Amino acid sequence: MTTLILAALILYFVQTLLPVTFRYRGNPASFNARDEMPATTVLVGRAERALVNVGEAMILFLPLALLTLNAEGAVLGATIFMIARVAHVILYLTGVPYLRTIVWAISLVGLVMMAQHIG
């Protein structure tokens, strides 16, 4: 489970970098105080919304992972959650509508599977 917690934190960290990376794309202005921001593109907007979404998911995942740290059965749920979350951000950034929602629901199933092993 520890590996999955670290993977979740890495995923979150990478997603925090995506909006600014897509917004500036090699523009040297990214190294200043960013008082004047470049225009928001569709991709930047998607990256920002995906970041909010993964933040909401981590609020649920991390406590569940800690509560089920020693529960062998919870690892499958955590694995499903992580695979679905990686797929979710890819689908979000590429603008795939219905499949993205299905993958989000699969990540939720992973959280429920983890929650069943609390105790």
N, C-alpha and C. Protein backbone atom coordinates (compact mmCIF):
# COMPACT_ATOMS: atom_id res chain seq x y z
N MET A 1 0.82 -1.19 0.00
CA MET A 1 0.00 0.00 0.00
C MET A 1 0.87 1.26 0.00
N THR A 2 2.01 1.18 0.65
CA THR A 2 2.90 2.35 0.70
C THR A 2 3.30 2.80 -0.70
N THR A 3 3.57 1.86 -1.57
CA THR A 3 3.93 2.19 -2.95
C THR A 3 2.79 2.90 -3.66
N LEU A 4 1.57 2.48 -3.41
CA LEU A 4 0.41 3.11 -4.03
C LEU A 4 0.18 4.52 -3.48
N ILE A 5 0.44 4.71 -2.19
CA ILE A 5 0.34 6.05 -1.61
C ILE A 5 1.36 6.97 -2.26
N LEU A 6 2.58 6.49 -2.41
CA LEU A 6 3.62 7.29 -3.08
C LEU A 6 3.26 7.57 -4.53
N ALA A 7 2.70 6.58 -5.22
CA ALA A 7 2.27 6.78 -6.60
C ALA A 7 1.18 7.84 -6.69
N ALA A 8 0.25 7.83 -5.74
CA ALA A 8 -0.81 8.84 -5.72
C ALA A 8 -0.24 10.23 -5.50
N LEU A 9 0.73 10.34 -4.62
CA LEU A 9 1.36 11.64 -4.37
C LEU A 9 2.14 12.12 -5.59
N ILE A 10 2.80 11.21 -6.28
CA ILE A 10 3.51 11.57 -7.51
C ILE A 10 2.51 12.02 -8.58
N LEU A 11 1.42 11.29 -8.72
CA LEU A 11 0.40 11.70 -9.68
C LEU A 11 -0.12 13.09 -9.37
N TYR A 12 -0.40 13.36 -8.12
CA TYR A 12 -0.89 14.69 -7.72
C TYR A 12 0.15 15.76 -8.03
N PHE A 13 1.40 15.48 -7.70
CA PHE A 13 2.47 16.45 -7.96
C PHE A 13 2.60 16.74 -9.45
N VAL A 14 2.59 15.71 -10.26
CA VAL A 14 2.69 15.89 -11.71
C VAL A 14 1.51 16.73 -12.20
N GLN A 15 0.33 16.44 -11.69
CA GLN A 15 -0.83 17.21 -12.13
C GLN A 15 -0.78 18.67 -11.68
N THR A 16 -0.07 18.96 -10.58
CA THR A 16 0.07 20.36 -10.19
C THR A 16 0.96 21.13 -11.17
N LEU A 17 1.85 20.42 -11.84
CA LEU A 17 2.75 21.07 -12.80
C LEU A 17 2.12 21.27 -14.17
N LEU A 18 1.12 20.49 -14.51
CA LEU A 18 0.56 20.53 -15.86
C LEU A 18 -0.05 21.87 -16.26
N PRO A 19 -0.89 22.51 -15.44
CA PRO A 19 -1.49 23.77 -15.89
C PRO A 19 -0.45 24.84 -16.22
N VAL A 20 0.52 25.03 -15.37
CA VAL A 20 1.53 26.06 -15.63
C VAL A 20 2.43 25.67 -16.79
N THR A 21 2.71 24.39 -16.92
CA THR A 21 3.52 23.92 -18.04
C THR A 21 2.81 24.17 -19.36
N PHE A 22 1.53 23.85 -19.42
CA PHE A 22 0.77 24.08 -20.65
C PHE A 22 0.55 25.56 -20.91
N ARG A 23 0.44 26.36 -19.86
CA ARG A 23 0.19 27.79 -20.03
C ARG A 23 1.41 28.50 -20.59
N TYR A 24 2.60 28.15 -20.13
CA TYR A 24 3.80 28.89 -20.52
C TYR A 24 4.59 28.25 -21.63
N ARG A 25 4.61 26.95 -21.74
CA ARG A 25 5.29 26.22 -22.82
C ARG A 25 6.61 26.86 -23.25
N GLY A 26 7.56 26.91 -22.35
CA GLY A 26 8.88 27.42 -22.68
C GLY A 26 9.01 28.93 -22.66
N ASN A 27 7.97 29.64 -22.30
CA ASN A 27 8.00 31.10 -22.23
C ASN A 27 8.84 31.50 -21.01
N PRO A 28 9.87 32.34 -21.20
CA PRO A 28 10.70 32.73 -20.06
C PRO A 28 9.94 33.50 -18.98
N ALA A 29 8.75 34.00 -19.30
CA ALA A 29 7.95 34.71 -18.31
C ALA A 29 7.53 33.80 -17.16
N SER A 30 7.65 32.50 -17.34
CA SER A 30 7.27 31.58 -16.27
C SER A 30 8.21 31.67 -15.08
N PHE A 31 9.36 32.32 -15.26
CA PHE A 31 10.33 32.44 -14.18
C PHE A 31 10.18 33.74 -13.38
N ASN A 32 9.24 34.61 -13.79
CA ASN A 32 9.06 35.85 -13.03
C ASN A 32 7.86 35.70 -12.10
N ALA A 33 7.35 36.80 -11.61
CA ALA A 33 6.26 36.77 -10.63
C ALA A 33 4.90 36.45 -11.26
N ARG A 34 4.85 36.32 -12.56
CA ARG A 34 3.63 35.97 -13.29
C ARG A 34 2.50 36.96 -13.04
N ASP A 35 2.86 38.25 -13.02
CA ASP A 35 1.85 39.28 -12.85
C ASP A 35 0.92 39.34 -14.06
N GLU A 36 1.47 39.06 -15.22
CA GLU A 36 0.67 39.03 -16.44
C GLU A 36 0.70 37.60 -16.98
N MET A 37 -0.45 36.98 -16.92
CA MET A 37 -0.55 35.58 -17.33
C MET A 37 -0.90 35.50 -18.81
N PRO A 38 -0.31 34.54 -19.53
CA PRO A 38 -0.74 34.30 -20.91
C PRO A 38 -2.20 33.85 -20.94
N ALA A 39 -2.81 33.98 -22.08
CA ALA A 39 -4.21 33.57 -22.23
C ALA A 39 -4.39 32.10 -21.89
N THR A 40 -5.53 31.79 -21.31
CA THR A 40 -5.86 30.40 -20.99
C THR A 40 -6.33 29.70 -22.25
N THR A 41 -5.76 28.55 -22.52
CA THR A 41 -6.18 27.75 -23.66
C THR A 41 -7.12 26.65 -23.17
N VAL A 42 -7.70 25.94 -24.09
CA VAL A 42 -8.57 24.82 -23.73
C VAL A 42 -7.79 23.80 -22.91
N LEU A 43 -6.57 23.51 -23.33
CA LEU A 43 -5.74 22.52 -22.63
C LEU A 43 -5.41 22.98 -21.21
N VAL A 44 -5.10 24.25 -21.04
CA VAL A 44 -4.81 24.78 -19.69
C VAL A 44 -6.05 24.64 -18.81
N GLY A 45 -7.21 24.98 -19.35
CA GLY A 45 -8.45 24.85 -18.59
C GLY A 45 -8.71 23.42 -18.18
N ARG A 46 -8.49 22.49 -19.09
CA ARG A 46 -8.68 21.08 -18.76
C ARG A 46 -7.71 20.64 -17.67
N ALA A 47 -6.45 21.07 -17.79
CA ALA A 47 -5.45 20.69 -16.79
C ALA A 47 -5.81 21.25 -15.42
N GLU A 48 -6.32 22.48 -15.39
CA GLU A 48 -6.72 23.08 -14.11
C GLU A 48 -7.90 22.34 -13.50
N ARG A 49 -8.89 21.97 -14.33
CA ARG A 49 -10.05 21.24 -13.81
C ARG A 49 -9.66 19.82 -13.38
N ALA A 50 -8.76 19.20 -14.12
CA ALA A 50 -8.29 17.86 -13.74
C ALA A 50 -7.54 17.91 -12.42
N LEU A 51 -6.80 19.00 -12.18
CA LEU A 51 -6.09 19.16 -10.91
C LEU A 51 -7.07 19.27 -9.75
N VAL A 52 -8.11 20.07 -9.92
CA VAL A 52 -9.13 20.18 -8.87
C VAL A 52 -9.76 18.81 -8.62
N ASN A 53 -10.04 18.09 -9.69
CA ASN A 53 -10.68 16.78 -9.58
C ASN A 53 -9.80 15.79 -8.83
N VAL A 54 -8.52 15.74 -9.17
CA VAL A 54 -7.64 14.79 -8.49
C VAL A 54 -7.43 15.20 -7.03
N GLY A 55 -7.46 16.50 -6.74
CA GLY A 55 -7.36 16.95 -5.35
C GLY A 55 -8.53 16.44 -4.53
N GLU A 56 -9.74 16.50 -5.11
CA GLU A 56 -10.92 15.98 -4.43
C GLU A 56 -10.80 14.47 -4.22
N ALA A 57 -10.24 13.78 -5.18
CA ALA A 57 -10.08 12.33 -5.06
C ALA A 57 -9.04 11.98 -3.98
N MET A 58 -7.98 12.76 -3.90
CA MET A 58 -6.93 12.47 -2.92
C MET A 58 -7.42 12.66 -1.49
N ILE A 59 -8.38 13.59 -1.31
CA ILE A 59 -8.94 13.79 0.02
C ILE A 59 -9.61 12.51 0.52
N LEU A 60 -10.12 11.71 -0.40
CA LEU A 60 -10.73 10.44 -0.03
C LEU A 60 -9.71 9.30 -0.01
N PHE A 61 -8.83 9.28 -1.01
CA PHE A 61 -7.90 8.16 -1.16
C PHE A 61 -6.90 8.08 -0.01
N LEU A 62 -6.25 9.17 0.31
CA LEU A 62 -5.16 9.11 1.29
C LEU A 62 -5.61 8.64 2.68
N PRO A 63 -6.71 9.17 3.23
CA PRO A 63 -7.15 8.62 4.52
C PRO A 63 -7.54 7.14 4.43
N LEU A 64 -8.22 6.77 3.33
CA LEU A 64 -8.57 5.35 3.17
C LEU A 64 -7.32 4.48 3.09
N ALA A 65 -6.32 4.96 2.38
CA ALA A 65 -5.07 4.19 2.26
C ALA A 65 -4.39 4.04 3.61
N LEU A 66 -4.42 5.09 4.41
CA LEU A 66 -3.80 5.00 5.74
C LEU A 66 -4.60 4.10 6.68
N LEU A 67 -5.92 4.17 6.56
CA LEU A 67 -6.77 3.33 7.41
C LEU A 67 -6.69 1.85 7.03
N THR A 68 -6.33 1.57 5.80
CA THR A 68 -6.25 0.18 5.34
C THR A 68 -4.81 -0.22 5.01
N LEU A 69 -3.88 0.46 5.62
CA LEU A 69 -2.46 0.25 5.32
C LEU A 69 -2.04 -1.21 5.43
N ASN A 70 -2.56 -1.92 6.41
CA ASN A 70 -2.17 -3.31 6.62
C ASN A 70 -3.23 -4.30 6.14
N ALA A 71 -4.22 -3.83 5.41
CA ALA A 71 -5.28 -4.71 4.92
C ALA A 71 -4.95 -5.15 3.50
N GLU A 72 -4.59 -6.42 3.37
CA GLU A 72 -4.19 -6.94 2.06
C GLU A 72 -5.27 -6.75 1.00
N GLY A 73 -6.52 -6.93 1.37
CA GLY A 73 -7.60 -6.83 0.42
C GLY A 73 -7.80 -5.44 -0.14
N ALA A 74 -7.36 -4.43 0.56
CA ALA A 74 -7.54 -3.04 0.12
C ALA A 74 -6.58 -2.67 -1.01
N VAL A 75 -5.54 -3.43 -1.17
CA VAL A 75 -4.54 -3.11 -2.21
C VAL A 75 -5.15 -3.19 -3.60
N LEU A 76 -6.02 -4.13 -3.83
CA LEU A 76 -6.67 -4.23 -5.14
C LEU A 76 -7.48 -2.97 -5.43
N GLY A 77 -8.25 -2.52 -4.46
CA GLY A 77 -9.02 -1.29 -4.63
C GLY A 77 -8.13 -0.09 -4.90
N ALA A 78 -7.03 0.00 -4.17
CA ALA A 78 -6.09 1.11 -4.36
C ALA A 78 -5.44 1.05 -5.74
N THR A 79 -5.14 -0.14 -6.19
CA THR A 79 -4.55 -0.31 -7.52
C THR A 79 -5.55 0.11 -8.61
N ILE A 80 -6.79 -0.32 -8.45
CA ILE A 80 -7.83 0.08 -9.40
C ILE A 80 -7.98 1.60 -9.41
N PHE A 81 -7.99 2.18 -8.21
CA PHE A 81 -8.09 3.64 -8.10
C PHE A 81 -6.96 4.32 -8.86
N MET A 82 -5.73 3.88 -8.64
CA MET A 82 -4.58 4.55 -9.26
C MET A 82 -4.59 4.40 -10.78
N ILE A 83 -4.85 3.22 -11.27
CA ILE A 83 -4.89 3.01 -12.72
C ILE A 83 -5.98 3.89 -13.34
N ALA A 84 -7.13 3.92 -12.69
CA ALA A 84 -8.24 4.73 -13.20
C ALA A 84 -7.90 6.21 -13.15
N ARG A 85 -7.22 6.66 -12.12
CA ARG A 85 -6.89 8.09 -12.02
C ARG A 85 -5.87 8.51 -13.08
N VAL A 86 -4.91 7.65 -13.38
CA VAL A 86 -3.96 7.96 -14.45
C VAL A 86 -4.71 8.04 -15.79
N ALA A 87 -5.58 7.06 -16.02
CA ALA A 87 -6.38 7.09 -17.25
C ALA A 87 -7.29 8.31 -17.28
N HIS A 88 -7.83 8.68 -16.13
CA HIS A 88 -8.74 9.82 -16.06
C HIS A 88 -8.06 11.11 -16.49
N VAL A 89 -6.86 11.36 -16.00
CA VAL A 89 -6.19 12.61 -16.38
C VAL A 89 -5.86 12.63 -17.86
N ILE A 90 -5.48 11.50 -18.40
CA ILE A 90 -5.18 11.43 -19.84
C ILE A 90 -6.45 11.70 -20.64
N LEU A 91 -7.56 11.08 -20.24
CA LEU A 91 -8.82 11.29 -20.94
C LEU A 91 -9.32 12.72 -20.77
N TYR A 92 -9.10 13.28 -19.60
CA TYR A 92 -9.51 14.66 -19.34
C TYR A 92 -8.75 15.62 -20.25
N LEU A 93 -7.43 15.46 -20.30
CA LEU A 93 -6.60 16.36 -21.11
C LEU A 93 -6.89 16.23 -22.59
N THR A 94 -7.24 15.03 -23.03
CA THR A 94 -7.51 14.83 -24.45
C THR A 94 -8.96 15.12 -24.82
N GLY A 95 -9.80 15.39 -23.82
CA GLY A 95 -11.17 15.80 -24.08
C GLY A 95 -12.13 14.68 -24.44
N VAL A 96 -11.85 13.48 -23.97
CA VAL A 96 -12.74 12.35 -24.24
C VAL A 96 -13.90 12.40 -23.23
N PRO A 97 -15.14 12.62 -23.69
CA PRO A 97 -16.22 12.89 -22.74
C PRO A 97 -16.77 11.70 -21.96
N TYR A 98 -17.39 10.75 -22.55
CA TYR A 98 -18.12 9.72 -21.81
C TYR A 98 -17.21 8.69 -21.15
N LEU A 99 -16.18 8.30 -21.83
CA LEU A 99 -15.24 7.33 -21.27
C LEU A 99 -14.58 7.89 -20.02
N ARG A 100 -14.30 9.19 -20.03
CA ARG A 100 -13.69 9.84 -18.86
C ARG A 100 -14.59 9.65 -17.63
N THR A 101 -15.88 9.81 -17.79
CA THR A 101 -16.81 9.67 -16.67
C THR A 101 -16.86 8.22 -16.19
N ILE A 102 -16.81 7.28 -17.11
CA ILE A 102 -16.81 5.86 -16.75
C ILE A 102 -15.54 5.53 -15.95
N VAL A 103 -14.41 6.05 -16.41
CA VAL A 103 -13.14 5.80 -15.71
C VAL A 103 -13.17 6.44 -14.32
N TRP A 104 -13.77 7.63 -14.21
CA TRP A 104 -13.92 8.27 -12.91
C TRP A 104 -14.72 7.37 -11.98
N ALA A 105 -15.81 6.79 -12.48
CA ALA A 105 -16.64 5.90 -11.68
C ALA A 105 -15.87 4.65 -11.26
N ILE A 106 -15.02 4.15 -12.13
CA ILE A 106 -14.18 3.00 -11.78
C ILE A 106 -13.24 3.35 -10.63
N SER A 107 -12.70 4.58 -10.64
CA SER A 107 -11.83 4.99 -9.53
C SER A 107 -12.63 5.04 -8.23
N LEU A 108 -13.88 5.43 -8.32
CA LEU A 108 -14.74 5.46 -7.15
C LEU A 108 -15.00 4.05 -6.63
N VAL A 109 -15.16 3.10 -7.52
CA VAL A 109 -15.30 1.69 -7.13
C VAL A 109 -14.06 1.24 -6.35
N GLY A 110 -12.89 1.65 -6.81
CA GLY A 110 -11.66 1.33 -6.08
C GLY A 110 -11.68 1.87 -4.66
N LEU A 111 -12.18 3.09 -4.49
CA LEU A 111 -12.27 3.67 -3.14
C LEU A 111 -13.25 2.88 -2.26
N VAL A 112 -14.37 2.47 -2.84
CA VAL A 112 -15.35 1.68 -2.09
C VAL A 112 -14.74 0.34 -1.68
N MET A 113 -13.99 -0.27 -2.58
CA MET A 113 -13.32 -1.53 -2.26
C MET A 113 -12.35 -1.36 -1.09
N MET A 114 -11.66 -0.22 -1.09
CA MET A 114 -10.75 0.05 0.03
C MET A 114 -11.53 0.23 1.33
N ALA A 115 -12.62 0.99 1.26
CA ALA A 115 -13.40 1.28 2.46
C ALA A 115 -13.97 0.01 3.10
N GLN A 116 -14.23 -0.99 2.29
CA GLN A 116 -14.76 -2.25 2.82
C GLN A 116 -13.78 -2.97 3.73
N HIS A 117 -12.52 -2.58 3.69
CA HIS A 117 -11.50 -3.26 4.50
C HIS A 117 -11.08 -2.45 5.73
N ILE A 118 -11.81 -1.42 6.05
CA ILE A 118 -11.51 -0.63 7.25
C ILE A 118 -11.94 -1.45 8.46
N GLY A 119 -11.07 -1.47 9.43
CA GLY A 119 -11.52 -2.09 10.65
C GLY A 119 -10.70 -3.21 11.09
